[in-house]
Protein backbone atom coordinates (compact mmCIF):
# COMPACT_ATOMS: atom_id res chain seq x y z
CA MET A 1 -23.21 -7.40 18.13
CA ALA A 2 -25.35 -9.33 15.82
CA VAL A 3 -23.37 -11.75 14.10
CA PRO A 4 -23.55 -11.42 10.53
CA ARG A 5 -25.67 -13.78 8.60
CA SER A 6 -23.58 -12.94 5.04
CA PRO A 7 -20.25 -14.96 4.81
CA ALA A 8 -18.93 -11.92 3.11
CA LEU A 9 -19.32 -10.37 6.96
CA ALA A 10 -18.37 -13.54 8.46
CA PRO A 11 -15.19 -10.91 9.82
CA PHE A 12 -16.73 -8.64 11.76
CA ARG A 13 -17.28 -11.39 14.18
CA ILE A 14 -13.94 -11.15 15.27
CA ARG A 15 -13.51 -8.22 17.71
CA SER A 16 -10.13 -6.47 16.88
CA PHE A 17 -11.33 -6.55 12.97
CA ARG A 18 -14.40 -4.13 14.73
CA TYR A 19 -12.13 -1.84 15.49
CA GLN A 20 -9.31 -2.32 13.06
CA TRP A 21 -11.60 -1.63 10.12
CA PRO A 22 -13.18 1.66 10.70
CA ALA A 23 -8.87 2.84 12.26
CA ASP A 24 -7.36 1.34 8.63
CA LEU A 25 -10.75 3.42 7.47
CA THR A 26 -9.47 6.78 9.55
CA THR A 27 -5.77 6.83 8.94
CA SER A 28 -6.37 5.35 4.59
CA TRP A 29 -8.38 8.77 4.13
CA ALA A 30 -6.38 11.21 5.65
CA LEU A 31 -3.30 10.00 4.01
CA GLU A 32 -5.38 10.15 1.23
CA MET A 33 -6.60 13.50 1.53
CA GLU A 34 -3.13 14.61 2.23
CA MET A 35 -1.48 12.89 -1.22
CA LEU A 36 -4.31 14.98 -2.85
CA ILE A 37 -4.07 18.05 -1.22
CA LEU A 38 -0.03 18.76 -1.59
CA GLY A 39 0.50 17.08 -4.57
CA TRP A 40 -1.46 19.63 -6.25
CA TYR A 41 0.15 22.40 -3.77
CA VAL A 42 3.60 21.13 -5.46
CA LEU A 43 2.42 21.37 -8.76
CA VAL A 44 0.54 24.55 -8.63
CA GLU A 45 3.62 25.91 -6.31
CA THR A 46 6.14 25.19 -8.65
CA ARG A 47 4.58 24.32 -11.96
CA SER A 48 6.95 21.69 -12.39
CA VAL A 49 6.18 17.39 -13.32
CA LEU A 50 9.46 16.69 -11.39
CA MET A 51 8.75 18.04 -8.41
CA LEU A 52 5.66 16.28 -8.36
CA THR A 53 7.15 13.00 -9.43
CA ILE A 54 9.98 14.06 -6.39
CA PHE A 55 7.57 14.86 -3.84
CA ALA A 56 5.58 11.51 -4.86
CA SER A 57 8.94 9.18 -4.02
CA LEU A 58 9.04 11.28 -0.85
CA GLN A 59 6.32 8.61 0.27
CA TYR A 60 8.24 6.26 -0.40
CA ILE A 61 11.53 6.46 1.13
CA GLY A 62 10.91 4.71 3.99
CA THR A 63 10.23 1.33 2.15
CA LEU A 64 13.37 -0.11 3.19
CA LEU A 65 13.29 0.09 6.41
CA SER A 66 10.00 -1.77 6.53
CA PRO A 67 11.57 -5.16 6.95
CA MET A 68 12.52 -3.72 10.32
CA PHE A 69 9.07 -3.05 11.23
CA GLY A 70 8.39 -6.14 10.43
CA VAL A 71 10.76 -7.07 13.24
CA MET A 72 9.51 -4.66 15.46
CA GLY A 73 5.89 -5.91 14.86
CA ASP A 74 7.03 -9.42 15.78
CA ARG A 75 8.73 -8.26 18.90
CA VAL A 76 6.68 -5.82 20.81
CA GLY A 77 3.19 -6.57 18.57
CA HIS A 78 1.44 -5.23 15.18
CA ARG A 79 -0.91 -3.09 17.34
CA HIS A 80 2.03 -1.24 19.76
CA VAL A 81 4.19 -0.39 16.04
CA LEU A 82 0.86 0.48 14.78
CA CYS A 83 -0.39 2.90 17.11
CA ALA A 84 3.17 4.67 17.49
CA MET A 85 3.40 4.97 13.53
CA ARG A 86 -0.20 6.94 13.26
CA ALA A 87 0.34 9.04 16.48
CA LEU A 88 3.47 10.52 14.34
CA TYR A 89 1.12 10.65 11.32
CA ALA A 90 -1.01 13.31 14.03
CA ALA A 91 1.74 15.16 14.62
CA LEU A 92 3.25 16.07 11.30
CA ALA A 93 -0.08 16.66 10.07
CA SER A 94 -0.75 19.01 12.96
CA LEU A 95 2.66 20.65 12.07
CA LEU A 96 1.59 21.64 8.34
CA MET A 97 -2.02 22.54 10.16
CA ILE A 98 0.06 24.83 11.86
CA PHE A 99 2.03 26.37 9.05
CA ALA A 100 -0.65 26.97 6.96
CA PHE A 101 -2.71 28.66 9.77
CA MET A 102 0.68 30.81 9.37
CA ASP A 103 0.11 31.57 5.86
CA ALA A 104 4.08 30.28 6.15
CA LEU A 105 4.14 27.06 3.77
CA THR A 106 5.95 26.28 1.30
CA PRO A 107 6.83 23.60 -1.33
CA MET A 108 10.24 22.78 0.57
CA ILE A 109 8.41 22.79 4.11
CA VAL A 110 6.42 20.18 2.14
CA LEU A 111 8.62 18.27 1.13
CA ALA A 112 10.68 18.59 4.28
CA ILE A 113 7.84 16.97 6.40
CA SER A 114 6.68 14.37 3.61
CA ALA A 115 10.30 12.98 3.76
CA VAL A 116 10.07 11.94 7.40
CA LEU A 117 6.29 10.87 6.87
CA GLY A 118 8.09 9.05 3.96
CA LEU A 119 9.97 7.45 6.31
CA VAL A 120 6.83 5.53 8.34
CA ARG A 121 4.23 5.37 5.49
CA PRO A 122 5.33 2.58 3.08
CA SER A 123 5.01 0.33 6.35
CA ASP A 124 1.50 0.97 7.36
CA ILE A 125 -0.01 -1.33 5.13
CA GLY A 126 2.01 -3.89 5.91
CA MET A 127 1.52 -3.32 9.53
CA ARG A 128 -2.07 -3.44 9.07
CA THR A 129 -1.95 -6.66 7.15
CA ALA A 130 0.01 -8.83 9.51
CA MET A 131 -2.04 -7.65 11.95
CA VAL A 132 -5.31 -9.28 10.52
CA GLY A 133 -3.04 -12.16 9.65
CA GLU A 134 -2.63 -12.77 13.33
CA THR A 135 -6.20 -12.33 14.42
CA MET A 136 -8.16 -13.93 11.23
CA PRO A 137 -8.87 -17.56 10.85
CA PRO A 138 -7.17 -18.67 7.60
CA GLU A 139 -10.39 -19.97 6.00
CA GLN A 140 -11.85 -16.01 6.08
CA LEU A 141 -8.67 -14.47 5.04
CA MET A 142 -10.04 -13.86 1.52
CA ALA A 143 -12.87 -12.08 3.23
CA ALA A 144 -10.92 -10.10 5.24
CA MET A 145 -8.55 -9.25 2.57
CA GLY A 146 -11.62 -8.13 0.59
CA ILE A 147 -13.30 -6.17 3.45
CA GLN A 148 -9.75 -5.07 4.61
CA ARG A 149 -8.95 -3.54 1.15
CA THR A 150 -12.37 -1.04 1.07
CA THR A 151 -10.78 1.27 3.53
CA GLN A 152 -7.77 2.46 1.21
CA ASP A 153 -10.38 2.30 -1.89
CA SER A 154 -12.95 4.20 -0.36
CA ALA A 155 -10.36 6.38 1.22
CA ARG A 156 -9.42 7.87 -2.42
CA ILE A 157 -12.67 8.67 -3.18
CA ALA A 158 -13.08 10.20 0.36
CA GLY A 159 -10.11 11.74 -0.54
CA ALA A 160 -11.20 12.85 -4.23
CA LEU A 161 -13.87 14.24 -3.22
CA THR A 162 -13.53 15.79 0.44
CA GLY A 163 -9.20 16.76 0.37
CA THR A 164 -9.17 18.98 -2.34
CA GLY A 165 -12.49 20.75 -2.38
CA LEU A 166 -11.64 21.41 1.31
CA VAL A 167 -8.97 23.29 0.38
CA ALA A 168 -10.77 25.19 -2.67
CA THR A 169 -13.59 26.09 -0.57
CA LEU A 170 -12.07 26.65 2.97
CA GLY A 171 -7.95 26.71 2.85
CA MET A 172 -5.18 24.09 3.71
CA GLY A 173 -5.73 25.41 7.20
CA PRO A 174 -9.33 23.62 7.88
CA ALA A 175 -8.82 20.78 5.59
CA TYR A 176 -5.43 19.96 7.58
CA ALA A 177 -7.79 20.27 11.01
CA VAL A 178 -9.48 17.24 9.40
CA VAL A 179 -7.24 15.46 8.47
CA VAL A 180 -5.81 15.71 11.88
CA THR A 181 -9.55 15.24 13.53
CA PHE A 182 -9.32 11.53 11.47
CA TYR A 183 -5.21 10.51 12.56
CA VAL A 184 -6.63 11.18 16.26
CA ILE A 185 -9.18 8.69 15.91
CA SER A 186 -7.26 6.45 14.63
CA VAL A 187 -5.21 5.81 17.18
CA LEU A 188 -8.01 5.97 19.48
CA LEU A 189 -9.85 2.82 17.57
CA THR A 190 -5.90 1.07 16.91
CA LEU A 191 -5.28 0.94 20.82
CA LYS A 192 -8.63 -1.35 21.19
CA ALA A 193 -7.52 -3.87 18.00
CA GLY A 194 -5.09 -6.63 17.77
CA ARG A 195 -4.13 -9.29 20.72
CA VAL A 196 -2.27 -8.56 23.40
CA THR A 197 -0.05 -11.40 23.66
CA LEU A 198 3.16 -11.26 21.31
CA ALA A 199 3.99 -13.78 18.59
CA GLN A 200 6.37 -16.50 19.35
CA PRO A 201 9.65 -15.93 18.03
CA ALA A 202 11.61 -17.98 15.59
CA PRO A 203 12.95 -21.53 16.48
CA GLU A 204 16.40 -20.06 15.32
CA SER A 205 16.67 -17.71 17.64
CA THR A 206 16.50 -19.38 20.89
CA THR A 207 19.73 -21.22 20.17
CA GLN A 208 21.58 -17.16 20.33
CA ARG A 209 20.28 -13.99 21.95
CA PRO A 210 18.05 -12.34 19.93
CA THR A 211 19.02 -8.97 18.10
CA PRO A 212 16.83 -6.91 15.70
CA TRP A 213 19.45 -7.54 12.38
CA ARG A 214 19.28 -11.38 13.31
CA ASP A 215 15.50 -11.39 13.57
CA LEU A 216 15.75 -9.82 9.86
CA ARG A 217 18.13 -11.97 8.30
CA GLU A 218 15.84 -14.91 9.14
CA GLY A 219 13.03 -13.28 7.67
CA LEU A 220 15.13 -12.12 4.56
CA SER A 221 16.37 -15.76 4.42
CA TYR A 222 12.80 -17.67 5.25
CA VAL A 223 11.41 -15.99 1.67
CA TRP A 224 14.27 -15.86 0.28
CA HIS A 225 14.34 -20.37 -0.07
CA MET A 226 10.37 -20.53 -0.37
CA PRO A 227 10.24 -20.17 -4.12
CA HIS A 228 6.39 -18.61 -4.60
CA LEU A 229 7.24 -16.01 -1.64
CA ARG A 230 10.37 -14.49 -3.80
CA ALA A 231 7.81 -14.55 -7.00
CA ILE A 232 5.39 -12.89 -5.02
CA MET A 233 7.89 -10.44 -4.61
CA LEU A 234 8.86 -9.86 -7.53
CA PHE A 235 5.07 -9.30 -8.86
CA ALA A 236 4.18 -6.78 -5.87
CA PHE A 237 7.92 -4.76 -6.83
CA LEU A 238 6.91 -5.01 -10.40
CA LEU A 239 3.35 -3.47 -9.77
CA ASN A 240 4.94 -0.89 -8.08
CA LEU A 241 7.12 0.07 -10.47
CA THR A 242 4.77 0.23 -13.72
CA ALA A 243 1.23 0.37 -12.54
CA PHE A 244 1.15 2.79 -9.17
CA PRO A 245 2.99 5.49 -10.66
CA LEU A 246 0.29 5.30 -13.95
CA PHE A 247 -2.70 5.24 -11.32
CA ASN A 248 -1.58 6.83 -8.27
CA SER A 249 1.02 10.11 -8.42
CA LEU A 250 1.08 10.81 -11.75
CA MET A 251 -2.88 11.81 -11.81
CA PRO A 252 -2.81 15.30 -11.56
CA TYR A 253 0.01 15.67 -14.47
CA VAL A 254 -3.15 13.83 -16.24
CA ALA A 255 -5.98 16.34 -14.99
CA LYS A 256 -3.52 19.46 -15.33
CA VAL A 257 -1.67 19.18 -18.10
CA VAL A 258 -3.17 16.20 -20.49
CA TYR A 259 -6.68 17.14 -19.83
CA GLU A 260 -6.12 20.47 -19.43
CA ALA A 261 -8.78 20.58 -16.25
CA ASP A 262 -8.82 21.85 -12.87
CA GLN A 263 -8.73 20.26 -9.06
CA THR A 264 -12.24 19.20 -9.83
CA THR A 265 -11.67 17.47 -12.08
CA LEU A 266 -8.81 15.79 -10.53
CA GLY A 267 -11.04 14.78 -7.71
CA THR A 268 -13.71 13.31 -10.13
CA MET A 269 -10.85 11.17 -11.79
CA VAL A 270 -9.65 9.81 -8.83
CA ALA A 271 -12.94 9.31 -7.12
CA ALA A 272 -13.76 7.36 -10.53
CA ALA A 273 -10.73 5.02 -9.97
CA ALA A 274 -11.72 4.64 -6.40
CA THR A 275 -14.78 3.30 -7.45
CA GLY A 276 -13.75 0.78 -9.37
CA SER A 277 -11.01 -0.32 -6.20
CA LEU A 278 -14.11 -0.52 -4.19
CA THR A 279 -16.39 -2.77 -6.50
CA GLY A 280 -13.32 -4.23 -7.33
CA SER A 281 -12.80 -4.66 -3.29
CA ILE A 282 -16.40 -6.16 -3.09
CA ILE A 283 -16.24 -8.61 -5.28
CA MET A 284 -13.08 -10.01 -3.73
CA SER A 285 -14.92 -10.54 -0.73
CA ARG A 286 -18.20 -11.88 -2.16
CA PHE A 287 -16.69 -14.16 -4.19
CA GLY A 288 -13.14 -14.31 -3.98
CA GLY A 289 -13.07 -17.91 -2.92
CA LEU A 290 -13.71 -19.35 -6.20
CA PHE A 291 -10.00 -18.00 -7.82
CA SER A 292 -7.27 -19.70 -7.65
CA PRO A 293 -5.50 -17.26 -5.42
CA ALA A 294 -1.67 -17.59 -7.92
CA ARG A 295 -3.98 -17.36 -11.01
CA ALA A 296 -5.51 -14.44 -10.23
CA MET A 297 -2.84 -12.51 -8.45
CA LEU A 298 -0.82 -13.19 -12.53
CA VAL A 299 -4.14 -12.58 -14.47
CA PHE A 300 -5.84 -9.65 -12.96
CA GLY A 301 -2.16 -7.99 -12.25
CA ALA A 302 -1.60 -8.19 -16.00
CA ALA A 303 -5.68 -7.46 -17.13
CA TRP A 304 -4.64 -3.86 -14.75
CA LEU A 305 -1.58 -3.36 -16.85
CA GLY A 306 -3.62 -3.54 -20.21
CA VAL A 307 -6.56 -0.71 -18.93
CA LEU A 308 -4.06 0.88 -17.95
CA LEU A 309 -2.41 1.16 -21.36
CA VAL A 310 -6.16 1.82 -22.74
CA PHE A 311 -5.82 4.88 -19.99
CA ALA A 312 -2.76 6.12 -21.98
CA GLN A 313 -4.67 6.83 -25.25
CA THR A 314 -7.22 9.06 -23.74
CA THR A 315 -7.29 12.84 -24.31
CA SER A 316 -9.92 13.97 -22.22
CA PRO A 317 -11.85 12.85 -19.06
CA ALA A 318 -14.98 11.73 -20.58
CA ALA A 319 -13.00 9.22 -22.06
CA GLY A 320 -10.70 8.46 -19.85
CA ILE A 321 -12.69 8.44 -16.49
CA PRO A 322 -14.59 5.12 -17.51
CA VAL A 323 -11.70 3.06 -18.57
CA LEU A 324 -10.56 4.46 -14.72
CA VAL A 325 -13.07 2.59 -12.49
CA LEU A 326 -12.31 -0.13 -15.11
CA ALA A 327 -8.71 -0.66 -14.46
CA GLY A 328 -9.68 0.00 -10.56
CA ILE A 329 -11.82 -3.47 -10.12
CA MET A 330 -8.72 -4.88 -12.06
CA GLN A 331 -6.10 -3.49 -9.58
CA THR A 332 -7.85 -4.81 -6.46
CA MET A 333 -8.45 -8.21 -7.59
CA GLY A 334 -5.11 -8.70 -8.34
CA LEU A 335 -4.07 -6.89 -5.42
CA ILE A 336 -5.98 -8.70 -2.88
CA PRO A 337 -5.01 -12.49 -3.65
CA ILE A 338 -0.56 -11.61 -3.06
CA SER A 339 -1.62 -9.93 0.68
CA THR A 340 -4.08 -13.39 0.89
CA LEU A 341 -1.11 -15.29 0.37
CA LEU A 342 1.07 -14.49 2.01
CA LEU A 343 -0.24 -14.89 5.51
CA ARG A 344 -2.52 -18.23 4.79
CA THR A 345 1.46 -20.08 2.68
CA SER A 346 3.64 -18.01 5.22
CA ASP A 347 4.66 -19.28 9.12
CA PRO A 348 2.75 -16.71 12.20
CA ARG A 349 6.30 -16.77 13.12
CA TYR A 350 7.18 -14.78 10.59
CA ARG A 351 4.44 -13.21 9.73
CA GLY A 352 5.40 -9.27 10.05
CA ARG A 353 8.71 -9.80 8.27
CA VAL A 354 7.26 -11.41 5.36
CA MET A 355 4.87 -8.42 5.40
CA GLY A 356 7.64 -6.09 6.42
CA ILE A 357 9.92 -7.33 2.94
CA ARG A 358 6.11 -7.28 1.21
CA MET A 359 6.08 -3.46 1.65
CA MET A 360 9.73 -3.45 0.28
CA ALA A 361 8.17 -3.52 -2.89
CA ILE A 362 6.68 -0.28 -3.16
CA TYR A 363 10.34 0.82 -3.62
CA GLY A 364 9.06 -0.04 -7.08
CA ASN A 365 7.31 3.46 -7.13
CA LEU A 366 10.77 5.24 -6.60
CA PRO A 367 12.65 4.25 -9.83
CA GLY A 368 9.07 4.40 -11.49
CA LEU A 369 8.27 7.50 -10.14
CA MET A 370 11.74 9.60 -11.30
CA LEU A 371 12.18 7.69 -14.48
CA ALA A 372 8.68 8.78 -15.54
CA GLY A 373 9.34 12.64 -14.73
CA PRO A 374 12.34 12.91 -17.29
CA LEU A 375 10.71 10.90 -19.84
CA ILE A 376 7.69 12.46 -19.79
CA THR A 377 9.27 15.93 -20.27
CA ALA A 378 11.02 14.13 -23.13
CA PHE A 379 8.91 12.09 -25.27
CA GLY A 380 4.93 12.80 -23.41
CA TYR A 381 2.74 10.95 -20.99
CA ALA A 382 1.47 8.53 -24.33
CA ALA A 383 4.56 7.43 -25.25
CA THR A 384 5.81 6.94 -21.33
CA ALA A 385 2.85 5.72 -19.69
CA THR A 386 1.96 2.91 -22.94
CA ALA A 387 5.69 2.07 -22.56
CA TYR A 388 5.11 1.12 -18.97
CA SER A 389 1.94 -0.70 -19.05
CA LEU A 390 3.84 -3.07 -21.97
CA PHE A 391 7.14 -3.65 -20.31
CA GLY A 392 4.87 -4.88 -17.13
CA ILE A 393 2.88 -7.32 -19.33
CA ALA A 394 5.85 -8.66 -20.74
CA VAL A 395 7.29 -9.21 -17.01
CA ILE A 396 4.39 -10.83 -15.50
CA ALA A 397 4.31 -12.93 -18.69
CA LEU A 398 7.79 -14.28 -17.52
CA ILE A 399 7.32 -14.46 -14.04
CA ALA A 400 3.82 -17.07 -14.85
CA LEU A 401 6.50 -19.17 -17.11
CA LEU A 402 8.96 -18.99 -14.65
CA TRP A 403 7.17 -20.56 -11.70
CA ARG A 404 4.81 -21.89 -13.25
CA GLU A 405 5.33 -25.05 -11.24
CA HIS A 406 4.89 -23.07 -7.97
CA LEU A 407 1.82 -19.88 -9.53
CA TRP A 408 0.06 -21.20 -12.09
CA GLN A 409 -0.50 -24.98 -11.82
CA GLY A 410 -3.94 -25.57 -10.09
CA GLY A 411 -2.35 -28.36 -7.57
CA ALA A 412 0.03 -25.61 -6.59
CA ALA A 413 0.22 -24.52 -2.90
CA ALA A 414 -0.71 -20.80 -3.54
CA ASN A 415 -3.64 -22.30 -5.66
CA ALA A 416 -5.60 -23.69 -2.40
CA ARG A 417 -8.71 -22.18 -2.37
């Protein structure tokens, strides 16, 4: 394969990354298609925003298990764990496909299978990120994370434009046949990525017989005693509590109830947000090295919430869709530095556990979504989204103040370029 000349494409010089990127891409496409297909199905069948938020919350119930997936990754190899996870996705999607072809699908079946998927799904991003970290030179991490992020951003576009469209034209069964195909391809590609050798155990584990729980305690202790890692974990939790519910899971509600639109409009909205995210990923892959990582994380994270505050005031697709594009740009420019910082400033022996603990931040989606349902019912979407955005911006300012020595000062290790 020819060596890419552009620095932005330099990560593709690494053989593992050439396999991992398309594997992550097909996984992300399938996951996004599932979320949109099933989210719309639950909302239409139950006519309840509460049921929609319950469905969305089920996608994250396994967040507390993410550190254990990190432990397994450090023990048996991130590639092996990732392959097993993606094989489970394929099996669950096949089950939903069978129910759909038999015309036996119900909201309760969807919720039950979603609960099983939710035990594993939150750890996927952490494991794929850890695998990039173990194969990528440190100086290429920002570019690699920008490119890797495009798998999720392009998936939102593909899922929005194909997932709902396939259901509308072909039905649930054929749509899920496509999802299953994507998962199978991702498993085959993941088998070719990563390293064969395993990470060395941390020194503390050498004096006693290592156990998964001991490994987990060591990982938690390591994060707790690193101030900048504590701050990054809190920042990630905050974004999952406030921004992600507005930007992802509640989009069907905005399309159907606020805009009084249909599936096509929902697909366009999600595609617009994803187009912005993809644009932000490309910007960071090309110019990310110009930013101080910790400062970029704080500034663009606050900007994302600020744009969502504007989006909360829109009442039509014509007004909301351009705002979603800008929100997508701010999202990825705020999120990519998080992964880069964690990989660059963490001991490689703890990399899987650190990324697993970072995935625990996704748990913020659960209280964020479960609280949003009754708040929207009582006060409306605009008021709820406004409160979420303002709260998030205030807490980000507080994090920057309390950890200014580690995150804001130019000489801090977290701001090394």
